[in-house]
């Protein structure tokens, strides 16, 4: 009897329409399907989501057929998306954890620019990082000038991708805002936390980014000082190269229990 009711329910046009609407309404407005899939780090979703969109404009028979095929394709996509070996929660409450687990370095970008509002969001994320005694000993140099981006590629041999990227954010320590004495070196930790915040925000916004180191290599620090006309109290820590991704590398599974001790070094209890 229950099966008969379920069958009749499935064959009701309004019920199927609602399913199709639900299946397609999860895509944020103003975002192309392909970009949505890249944001979720799972381009296997592209075809089944296109099928769901297509089905909404077809007759009842095609709706049923395409809906069943799309659901099967989505199940397959979920299985393929998990083959990278990364295990991360996917429900809404753990979206932050999922964003951390799926972030990876992106070194190839399309020619699309990053708009000013998005850049401000990245900077706000950076400034939301923890900082010792709330000193906030950081300064961010936003680079969008093509010649300056080429200069970054020359100044840092590990930042060659900057030549074709639309954006770089150079994270610097401001020694005039740092703590006094030996604690002054906390600026490195504070700016590193800001850098990771920017990387995670970029990933969450569907952008690709990569951290390229500058400090403490003297020749790199000197090159960036000259390129960006930095005063003596501003120390460039790293350059984050950012753009719309033109590659989809799988995140690495870095979970290593051997790197963990409990209560004292070497103890596994």
C-alpha atoms as a PDB file:
ATOM      1  CA  UNK A   1       0.000   0.000   0.000  1.00  0.00           C
ATOM      2  CA  UNK A   2       2.809   2.405   0.901  1.00  0.00           C
ATOM      3  CA  UNK A   3       4.562   1.633  -2.369  1.00  0.00           C
ATOM      4  CA  UNK A   4       1.377   2.386  -4.316  1.00  0.00           C
ATOM      5  CA  UNK A   5       1.063   5.743  -2.581  1.00  0.00           C
ATOM      6  CA  UNK A   6       4.671   6.579  -3.302  1.00  0.00           C
ATOM      7  CA  UNK A   7       4.201   5.587  -6.942  1.00  0.00           C
ATOM      8  CA  UNK A   8       1.094   7.764  -7.318  1.00  0.00           C
ATOM      9  CA  UNK A   9       2.895  10.639  -5.618  1.00  0.00           C
ATOM     10  CA  UNK A  10       5.858  10.358  -7.969  1.00  0.00           C
ATOM     11  CA  UNK A  11       3.563  10.457 -10.998  1.00  0.00           C
ATOM     12  CA  UNK A  12       1.862  13.667  -9.893  1.00  0.00           C
ATOM     13  CA  UNK A  13       3.147  16.541 -12.090  1.00  0.00           C
ATOM     14  CA  UNK A  14       3.239  19.000  -9.178  1.00  0.00           C
ATOM     15  CA  UNK A  15       5.387  16.649  -7.085  1.00  0.00           C
ATOM     16  CA  UNK A  16       7.898  16.094  -9.887  1.00  0.00           C
ATOM     17  CA  UNK A  17       7.981  19.811 -10.636  1.00  0.00           C
ATOM     18  CA  UNK A  18       8.798  20.473  -6.985  1.00  0.00           C
ATOM     19  CA  UNK A  19      11.587  17.906  -7.051  1.00  0.00           C
ATOM     20  CA  UNK A  20      13.067  19.451 -10.165  1.00  0.00           C
ATOM     21  CA  UNK A  21      12.746  22.930  -8.704  1.00  0.00           C
ATOM     22  CA  UNK A  22      14.427  21.819  -5.484  1.00  0.00           C
ATOM     23  CA  UNK A  23      17.209  20.104  -7.415  1.00  0.00           C
ATOM     24  CA  UNK A  24      18.004  23.210  -9.421  1.00  0.00           C
ATOM     25  CA  UNK A  25      17.324  25.905  -6.843  1.00  0.00           C
ATOM     26  CA  UNK A  26      20.392  24.921  -4.818  1.00  0.00           C
ATOM     27  CA  UNK A  27      22.503  26.708  -7.439  1.00  0.00           C
ATOM     28  CA  UNK A  28      23.114  30.267  -6.195  1.00  0.00           C
ATOM     29  CA  UNK A  29      21.569  32.955  -8.385  1.00  0.00           C
ATOM     30  CA  UNK A  30      23.945  34.754 -10.721  1.00  0.00           C
ATOM     31  CA  UNK A  31      26.480  31.905 -10.727  1.00  0.00           C
ATOM     32  CA  UNK A  32      26.980  29.760 -13.819  1.00  0.00           C
ATOM     33  CA  UNK A  33      26.642  26.016 -13.311  1.00  0.00           C
ATOM     34  CA  UNK A  34      30.239  25.383 -14.256  1.00  0.00           C
ATOM     35  CA  UNK A  35      31.483  28.001 -11.781  1.00  0.00           C
ATOM     36  CA  UNK A  36      29.240  26.484  -9.099  1.00  0.00           C
ATOM     37  CA  UNK A  37      30.843  23.105  -9.684  1.00  0.00           C
ATOM     38  CA  UNK A  38      34.321  24.597  -9.457  1.00  0.00           C
ATOM     39  CA  UNK A  39      33.388  26.306  -6.181  1.00  0.00           C
ATOM     40  CA  UNK A  40      32.375  22.949  -4.782  1.00  0.00           C
ATOM     41  CA  UNK A  41      35.650  21.409  -6.050  1.00  0.00           C
ATOM     42  CA  UNK A  42      33.615  18.783  -7.909  1.00  0.00           C
ATOM     43  CA  UNK A  43      33.307  19.320 -11.649  1.00  0.00           C
ATOM     44  CA  UNK A  44      31.577  15.929 -11.949  1.00  0.00           C
ATOM     45  CA  UNK A  45      28.384  17.736 -10.938  1.00  0.00           C
ATOM     46  CA  UNK A  46      28.304  19.790 -14.141  1.00  0.00           C
ATOM     47  CA  UNK A  47      26.453  17.285 -16.386  1.00  0.00           C
ATOM     48  CA  UNK A  48      23.743  16.111 -13.927  1.00  0.00           C
ATOM     49  CA  UNK A  49      22.965  19.697 -12.898  1.00  0.00           C
ATOM     50  CA  UNK A  50      22.649  20.698 -16.550  1.00  0.00           C
ATOM     51  CA  UNK A  51      20.255  17.778 -17.020  1.00  0.00           C
ATOM     52  CA  UNK A  52      18.073  18.957 -14.137  1.00  0.00           C
ATOM     53  CA  UNK A  53      17.892  22.456 -15.613  1.00  0.00           C
ATOM     54  CA  UNK A  54      17.092  21.025 -19.060  1.00  0.00           C
ATOM     55  CA  UNK A  55      14.372  18.774 -17.661  1.00  0.00           C
ATOM     56  CA  UNK A  56      12.370  21.654 -16.210  1.00  0.00           C
ATOM     57  CA  UNK A  57      11.548  22.872 -19.720  1.00  0.00           C
ATOM     58  CA  UNK A  58      10.423  19.514 -21.156  1.00  0.00           C
ATOM     59  CA  UNK A  59       7.254  17.450 -21.256  1.00  0.00           C
ATOM     60  CA  UNK A  60       6.136  15.138 -18.458  1.00  0.00           C
ATOM     61  CA  UNK A  61       7.667  11.957 -19.909  1.00  0.00           C
ATOM     62  CA  UNK A  62      11.017  13.650 -20.486  1.00  0.00           C
ATOM     63  CA  UNK A  63      10.860  15.147 -16.994  1.00  0.00           C
ATOM     64  CA  UNK A  64      10.535  11.673 -15.476  1.00  0.00           C
ATOM     65  CA  UNK A  65      13.255  10.174 -17.632  1.00  0.00           C
ATOM     66  CA  UNK A  66      15.747  12.973 -17.192  1.00  0.00           C
ATOM     67  CA  UNK A  67      15.065  13.226 -13.476  1.00  0.00           C
ATOM     68  CA  UNK A  68      15.871   9.544 -12.898  1.00  0.00           C
ATOM     69  CA  UNK A  69      19.013   9.718 -15.056  1.00  0.00           C
ATOM     70  CA  UNK A  70      20.151  12.937 -13.331  1.00  0.00           C
ATOM     71  CA  UNK A  71      19.725  11.438  -9.868  1.00  0.00           C
ATOM     72  CA  UNK A  72      21.830   8.422 -10.873  1.00  0.00           C
ATOM     73  CA  UNK A  73      24.453  10.753 -12.348  1.00  0.00           C
ATOM     74  CA  UNK A  74      24.523  12.809  -9.151  1.00  0.00           C
ATOM     75  CA  UNK A  75      25.106   9.665  -7.089  1.00  0.00           C
ATOM     76  CA  UNK A  76      27.983   8.722  -9.391  1.00  0.00           C
ATOM     77  CA  UNK A  77      29.360  12.257  -9.145  1.00  0.00           C
ATOM     78  CA  UNK A  78      29.356  12.132  -5.357  1.00  0.00           C
ATOM     79  CA  UNK A  79      31.255   8.837  -5.479  1.00  0.00           C
ATOM     80  CA  UNK A  80      33.840  10.236  -7.908  1.00  0.00           C
ATOM     81  CA  UNK A  81      34.195  13.412  -5.879  1.00  0.00           C
ATOM     82  CA  UNK A  82      35.303  11.384  -2.873  1.00  0.00           C
ATOM     83  CA  UNK A  83      38.015   9.437  -4.731  1.00  0.00           C
ATOM     84  CA  UNK A  84      40.664  11.999  -3.808  1.00  0.00           C
ATOM     85  CA  UNK A  85      40.923  10.381  -0.366  1.00  0.00           C
ATOM     86  CA  UNK A  86      39.883  13.566   1.428  1.00  0.00           C
ATOM     87  CA  UNK A  87      37.198  12.947   4.013  1.00  0.00           C
ATOM     88  CA  UNK A  88      35.384  16.103   5.106  1.00  0.00           C
ATOM     89  CA  UNK A  89      31.931  16.831   6.503  1.00  0.00           C
ATOM     90  CA  UNK A  90      29.526  18.144   3.862  1.00  0.00           C
ATOM     91  CA  UNK A  91      26.554  19.384   5.849  1.00  0.00           C
ATOM     92  CA  UNK A  92      25.888  23.081   6.326  1.00  0.00           C
ATOM     93  CA  UNK A  93      27.092  23.165   9.920  1.00  0.00           C
ATOM     94  CA  UNK A  94      30.567  21.993   8.828  1.00  0.00           C
ATOM     95  CA  UNK A  95      30.931  24.132   5.706  1.00  0.00           C
ATOM     96  CA  UNK A  96      34.031  25.772   7.178  1.00  0.00           C
ATOM     97  CA  UNK A  97      35.722  22.406   7.762  1.00  0.00           C
ATOM     98  CA  UNK A  98      34.812  21.308   4.236  1.00  0.00           C
ATOM     99  CA  UNK A  99      36.328  24.511   2.830  1.00  0.00           C
ATOM    100  CA  UNK A 100      39.578  23.854   4.727  1.00  0.00           C
ATOM    101  CA  UNK A 101      39.782  20.208   3.650  1.00  0.00           C
ATOM    102  CA  UNK A 102      39.162  20.919  -0.048  1.00  0.00           C
ATOM    103  CA  UNK A 103      41.434  23.940  -0.465  1.00  0.00           C
ATOM    104  CA  UNK A 104      44.478  23.375  -2.633  1.00  0.00           C
ATOM    105  CA  UNK A 105      47.042  25.554  -4.398  1.00  0.00           C
ATOM    106  CA  UNK A 106      45.945  26.847  -7.818  1.00  0.00           C
ATOM    107  CA  UNK A 107      48.650  28.109 -10.170  1.00  0.00           C
ATOM    108  CA  UNK A 108      46.747  28.577 -13.469  1.00  0.00           C
ATOM    109  CA  UNK A 109      44.102  31.240 -14.010  1.00  0.00           C
ATOM    110  CA  UNK A 110      41.718  32.465 -16.676  1.00  0.00           C
ATOM    111  CA  UNK A 111      41.987  36.004 -17.977  1.00  0.00           C
ATOM    112  CA  UNK A 112      38.988  37.164 -15.919  1.00  0.00           C
ATOM    113  CA  UNK A 113      39.666  40.002 -13.490  1.00  0.00           C
ATOM    114  CA  UNK A 114      38.811  39.832  -9.779  1.00  0.00           C
ATOM    115  CA  UNK A 115      36.368  42.619  -8.970  1.00  0.00           C
ATOM    116  CA  UNK A 116      36.915  45.252  -6.297  1.00  0.00           C
ATOM    117  CA  UNK A 117      34.199  43.941  -3.965  1.00  0.00           C
ATOM    118  CA  UNK A 118      35.752  40.474  -3.960  1.00  0.00           C
ATOM    119  CA  UNK A 119      39.199  41.920  -3.275  1.00  0.00           C
ATOM    120  CA  UNK A 120      37.795  43.805  -0.287  1.00  0.00           C
ATOM    121  CA  UNK A 121      36.194  40.585   0.994  1.00  0.00           C
ATOM    122  CA  UNK A 122      39.577  38.841   0.802  1.00  0.00           C
ATOM    123  CA  UNK A 123      41.242  41.677   2.694  1.00  0.00           C
ATOM    124  CA  UNK A 124      38.533  41.692   5.356  1.00  0.00           C
ATOM    125  CA  UNK A 125      39.089  37.961   5.809  1.00  0.00           C
ATOM    126  CA  UNK A 126      42.819  38.553   6.218  1.00  0.00           C
ATOM    127  CA  UNK A 127      42.280  41.247   8.834  1.00  0.00           C
ATOM    128  CA  UNK A 128      39.933  38.949  10.771  1.00  0.00           C
ATOM    129  CA  UNK A 129      42.893  36.703  11.660  1.00  0.00           C
ATOM    130  CA  UNK A 130      44.075  36.266  15.257  1.00  0.00           C
ATOM    131  CA  UNK A 131      46.850  38.618  16.297  1.00  0.00           C
ATOM    132  CA  UNK A 132      48.944  38.824  19.482  1.00  0.00           C
ATOM    133  CA  UNK A 133      47.637  41.527  21.858  1.00  0.00           C
ATOM    134  CA  UNK A 134      45.501  42.691  18.922  1.00  0.00           C
ATOM    135  CA  UNK A 135      48.499  44.577  17.499  1.00  0.00           C
ATOM    136  CA  UNK A 136      47.481  43.795  13.894  1.00  0.00           C
ATOM    137  CA  UNK A 137      51.075  44.285  12.668  1.00  0.00           C
ATOM    138  CA  UNK A 138      50.231  43.807   9.017  1.00  0.00           C
ATOM    139  CA  UNK A 139      49.983  45.733   5.786  1.00  0.00           C
ATOM    140  CA  UNK A 140      48.541  44.403   2.531  1.00  0.00           C
ATOM    141  CA  UNK A 141      49.722  45.577  -0.885  1.00  0.00           C
ATOM    142  CA  UNK A 142      47.125  44.818  -3.572  1.00  0.00           C
ATOM    143  CA  UNK A 143      48.733  44.374  -6.987  1.00  0.00           C
ATOM    144  CA  UNK A 144      46.624  44.468 -10.166  1.00  0.00           C
ATOM    145  CA  UNK A 145      49.012  46.360 -12.459  1.00  0.00           C
ATOM    146  CA  UNK A 146      50.226  44.022 -15.189  1.00  0.00           C
ATOM    147  CA  UNK A 147      53.835  45.254 -15.112  1.00  0.00           C
ATOM    148  CA  UNK A 148      53.967  44.910 -11.322  1.00  0.00           C
ATOM    149  CA  UNK A 149      52.591  41.357 -11.577  1.00  0.00           C
ATOM    150  CA  UNK A 150      55.314  40.544 -14.083  1.00  0.00           C
ATOM    151  CA  UNK A 151      57.798  42.054 -11.635  1.00  0.00           C
ATOM    152  CA  UNK A 152      56.577  39.702  -8.903  1.00  0.00           C
ATOM    153  CA  UNK A 153      57.216  36.759 -11.233  1.00  0.00           C
ATOM    154  CA  UNK A 154      60.795  37.985 -11.680  1.00  0.00           C
ATOM    155  CA  UNK A 155      61.396  38.852  -8.005  1.00  0.00           C
ATOM    156  CA  UNK A 156      60.259  35.438  -6.781  1.00  0.00           C
ATOM    157  CA  UNK A 157      61.212  32.369  -8.854  1.00  0.00           C
ATOM    158  CA  UNK A 158      58.344  30.454  -7.212  1.00  0.00           C
ATOM    159  CA  UNK A 159      55.772  33.044  -8.316  1.00  0.00           C
ATOM    160  CA  UNK A 160      56.061  32.690 -12.080  1.00  0.00           C
ATOM    161  CA  UNK A 161      52.271  32.285 -12.336  1.00  0.00           C
ATOM    162  CA  UNK A 162      51.894  35.949 -11.294  1.00  0.00           C
ATOM    163  CA  UNK A 163      52.823  37.013 -14.818  1.00  0.00           C
ATOM    164  CA  UNK A 164      49.411  35.870 -16.106  1.00  0.00           C
ATOM    165  CA  UNK A 165      47.382  36.290 -12.914  1.00  0.00           C
ATOM    166  CA  UNK A 166      44.939  39.187 -12.462  1.00  0.00           C
ATOM    167  CA  UNK A 167      45.749  39.772  -8.793  1.00  0.00           C
ATOM    168  CA  UNK A 168      48.355  39.398  -6.082  1.00  0.00           C
ATOM    169  CA  UNK A 169      48.164  40.385  -2.438  1.00  0.00           C
ATOM    170  CA  UNK A 170      51.542  40.898  -0.813  1.00  0.00           C
ATOM    171  CA  UNK A 171      51.193  40.321   2.931  1.00  0.00           C
ATOM    172  CA  UNK A 172      53.671  42.421   4.884  1.00  0.00           C
ATOM    173  CA  UNK A 173      54.650  42.907   8.506  1.00  0.00           C
ATOM    174  CA  UNK A 174      54.516  46.452   9.869  1.00  0.00           C
ATOM    175  CA  UNK A 175      57.289  46.665  12.493  1.00  0.00           C
ATOM    176  CA  UNK A 176      55.962  49.991  13.778  1.00  0.00           C
ATOM    177  CA  UNK A 177      52.827  48.129  14.945  1.00  0.00           C
ATOM    178  CA  UNK A 178      54.640  45.053  16.264  1.00  0.00           C
ATOM    179  CA  UNK A 179      55.304  44.239  19.931  1.00  0.00           C
ATOM    180  CA  UNK A 180      58.539  45.318  21.588  1.00  0.00           C
ATOM    181  CA  UNK A 181      61.494  43.078  22.403  1.00  0.00           C
ATOM    182  CA  UNK A 182      61.706  39.413  21.370  1.00  0.00           C
ATOM    183  CA  UNK A 183      57.898  39.329  20.994  1.00  0.00           C
ATOM    184  CA  UNK A 184      58.265  41.588  17.960  1.00  0.00           C
ATOM    185  CA  UNK A 185      58.745  38.467  15.857  1.00  0.00           C
ATOM    186  CA  UNK A 186      55.115  37.533  16.491  1.00  0.00           C
ATOM    187  CA  UNK A 187      54.353  39.605  13.394  1.00  0.00           C
ATOM    188  CA  UNK A 188      55.375  36.546  11.376  1.00  0.00           C
ATOM    189  CA  UNK A 189      52.726  34.389  13.048  1.00  0.00           C
ATOM    190  CA  UNK A 190      50.070  37.097  12.795  1.00  0.00           C
ATOM    191  CA  UNK A 191      50.705  37.693   9.091  1.00  0.00           C
ATOM    192  CA  UNK A 192      50.805  33.951   8.431  1.00  0.00           C
ATOM    193  CA  UNK A 193      47.355  33.592  10.024  1.00  0.00           C
ATOM    194  CA  UNK A 194      46.102  36.460   7.835  1.00  0.00           C
ATOM    195  CA  UNK A 195      47.550  34.740   4.769  1.00  0.00           C
ATOM    196  CA  UNK A 196      45.735  31.485   5.484  1.00  0.00           C
ATOM    197  CA  UNK A 197      42.475  33.388   6.010  1.00  0.00           C
ATOM    198  CA  UNK A 198      42.849  34.960   2.569  1.00  0.00           C
ATOM    199  CA  UNK A 199      43.599  31.590   0.971  1.00  0.00           C
ATOM    200  CA  UNK A 200      40.492  30.022   2.545  1.00  0.00           C
ATOM    201  CA  UNK A 201      38.312  32.990   1.620  1.00  0.00           C
ATOM    202  CA  UNK A 202      39.524  32.808  -1.980  1.00  0.00           C
ATOM    203  CA  UNK A 203      38.649  29.111  -2.151  1.00  0.00           C
ATOM    204  CA  UNK A 204      35.241  29.739  -0.612  1.00  0.00           C
ATOM    205  CA  UNK A 205      34.538  32.427  -3.218  1.00  0.00           C
ATOM    206  CA  UNK A 206      35.397  30.111  -6.105  1.00  0.00           C
ATOM    207  CA  UNK A 207      38.809  31.637  -6.753  1.00  0.00           C
ATOM    208  CA  UNK A 208      42.156  29.903  -6.970  1.00  0.00           C
ATOM    209  CA  UNK A 209      45.201  31.052  -4.996  1.00  0.00           C
ATOM    210  CA  UNK A 210      48.707  30.037  -4.037  1.00  0.00           C
ATOM    211  CA  UNK A 211      51.038  31.173  -1.212  1.00  0.00           C
ATOM    212  CA  UNK A 212      54.541  32.124  -2.452  1.00  0.00           C
ATOM    213  CA  UNK A 213      57.179  32.878   0.179  1.00  0.00           C
ATOM    214  CA  UNK A 214      59.355  36.005   0.351  1.00  0.00           C
ATOM    215  CA  UNK A 215      60.695  36.460   3.911  1.00  0.00           C
ATOM    216  CA  UNK A 216      63.284  35.521   5.219  1.00  0.00           C
ATOM    217  CA  UNK A 217      65.209  35.253   1.920  1.00  0.00           C
ATOM    218  CA  UNK A 218      67.128  38.545   1.733  1.00  0.00           C
ATOM    219  CA  UNK A 219      67.295  38.710  -2.061  1.00  0.00           C
ATOM    220  CA  UNK A 220      63.514  38.301  -2.356  1.00  0.00           C
ATOM    221  CA  UNK A 221      62.807  40.840   0.376  1.00  0.00           C
ATOM    222  CA  UNK A 222      65.103  43.344  -1.347  1.00  0.00           C
ATOM    223  CA  UNK A 223      63.496  42.737  -4.749  1.00  0.00           C
ATOM    224  CA  UNK A 224      59.990  43.315  -3.365  1.00  0.00           C
ATOM    225  CA  UNK A 225      61.131  46.390  -1.470  1.00  0.00           C
ATOM    226  CA  UNK A 226      62.292  47.898  -4.752  1.00  0.00           C
ATOM    227  CA  UNK A 227      59.309  46.704  -6.804  1.00  0.00           C
ATOM    228  CA  UNK A 228      56.639  47.958  -4.399  1.00  0.00           C
ATOM    229  CA  UNK A 229      58.600  50.896  -2.920  1.00  0.00           C
ATOM    230  CA  UNK A 230      58.245  49.550   0.612  1.00  0.00           C
ATOM    231  CA  UNK A 231      59.596  51.648   3.530  1.00  0.00           C
ATOM    232  CA  UNK A 232      62.121  50.090   5.929  1.00  0.00           C
ATOM    233  CA  UNK A 233      59.542  49.179   8.590  1.00  0.00           C
ATOM    234  CA  UNK A 234      57.389  47.175   6.120  1.00  0.00           C
ATOM    235  CA  UNK A 235      58.652  43.592   5.617  1.00  0.00           C
ATOM    236  CA  UNK A 236      57.119  41.483   2.810  1.00  0.00           C
ATOM    237  CA  UNK A 237      56.283  38.023   4.182  1.00  0.00           C
ATOM    238  CA  UNK A 238      54.659  36.434   1.138  1.00  0.00           C
ATOM    239  CA  UNK A 239      52.784  37.093  -2.083  1.00  0.00           C
ATOM    240  CA  UNK A 240      49.396  35.411  -2.574  1.00  0.00           C
ATOM    241  CA  UNK A 241      48.709  34.962  -6.290  1.00  0.00           C
ATOM    242  CA  UNK A 242      44.971  34.905  -7.021  1.00  0.00           C
ATOM    243  CA  UNK A 243      42.637  34.448  -9.992  1.00  0.00           C
ATOM    244  CA  UNK A 244      39.718  32.513 -11.404  1.00  0.00           C
ATOM    245  CA  UNK A 245      40.973  28.909 -11.627  1.00  0.00           C
ATOM    246  CA  UNK A 246      41.943  27.398 -14.952  1.00  0.00           C
ATOM    247  CA  UNK A 247      42.839  24.021 -13.406  1.00  0.00           C
ATOM    248  CA  UNK A 248      41.157  21.655 -10.957  1.00  0.00           C
ATOM    249  CA  UNK A 249      43.838  19.736  -9.037  1.00  0.00           C
ATOM    250  CA  UNK A 250      42.620  17.397  -6.313  1.00  0.00           C
ATOM    251  CA  UNK A 251      43.480  18.351  -2.716  1.00  0.00           C
ATOM    252  CA  UNK A 252      46.189  16.245  -1.088  1.00  0.00           C
ATOM    253  CA  UNK A 253      45.368  14.026   1.866  1.00  0.00           C
ATOM    254  CA  UNK A 254      47.915  15.204   4.444  1.00  0.00           C
ATOM    255  CA  UNK A 255      46.503  13.341   7.450  1.00  0.00           C
ATOM    256  CA  UNK A 256      49.490  11.648   9.149  1.00  0.00           C
ATOM    257  CA  UNK A 257      48.871  10.149  12.628  1.00  0.00           C
ATOM    258  CA  UNK A 258      52.633   9.795  13.089  1.00  0.00           C
ATOM    259  CA  UNK A 259      52.882  13.591  13.325  1.00  0.00           C
ATOM    260  CA  UNK A 260      50.799  13.591  16.523  1.00  0.00           C
ATOM    261  CA  UNK A 261      51.751  13.074  20.164  1.00  0.00           C
ATOM    262  CA  UNK A 262      49.413  13.099  23.132  1.00  0.00           C
ATOM    263  CA  UNK A 263      50.314  14.872  26.389  1.00  0.00           C
ATOM    264  CA  UNK A 264      54.064  14.512  25.761  1.00  0.00           C
ATOM    265  CA  UNK A 265      56.308  14.012  22.735  1.00  0.00           C
ATOM    266  CA  UNK A 266      56.217  10.483  21.355  1.00  0.00           C
ATOM    267  CA  UNK A 267      53.251   9.350  23.445  1.00  0.00           C
ATOM    268  CA  UNK A 268      50.261   7.886  21.623  1.00  0.00           C
ATOM    269  CA  UNK A 269      48.020   7.803  24.685  1.00  0.00           C
END
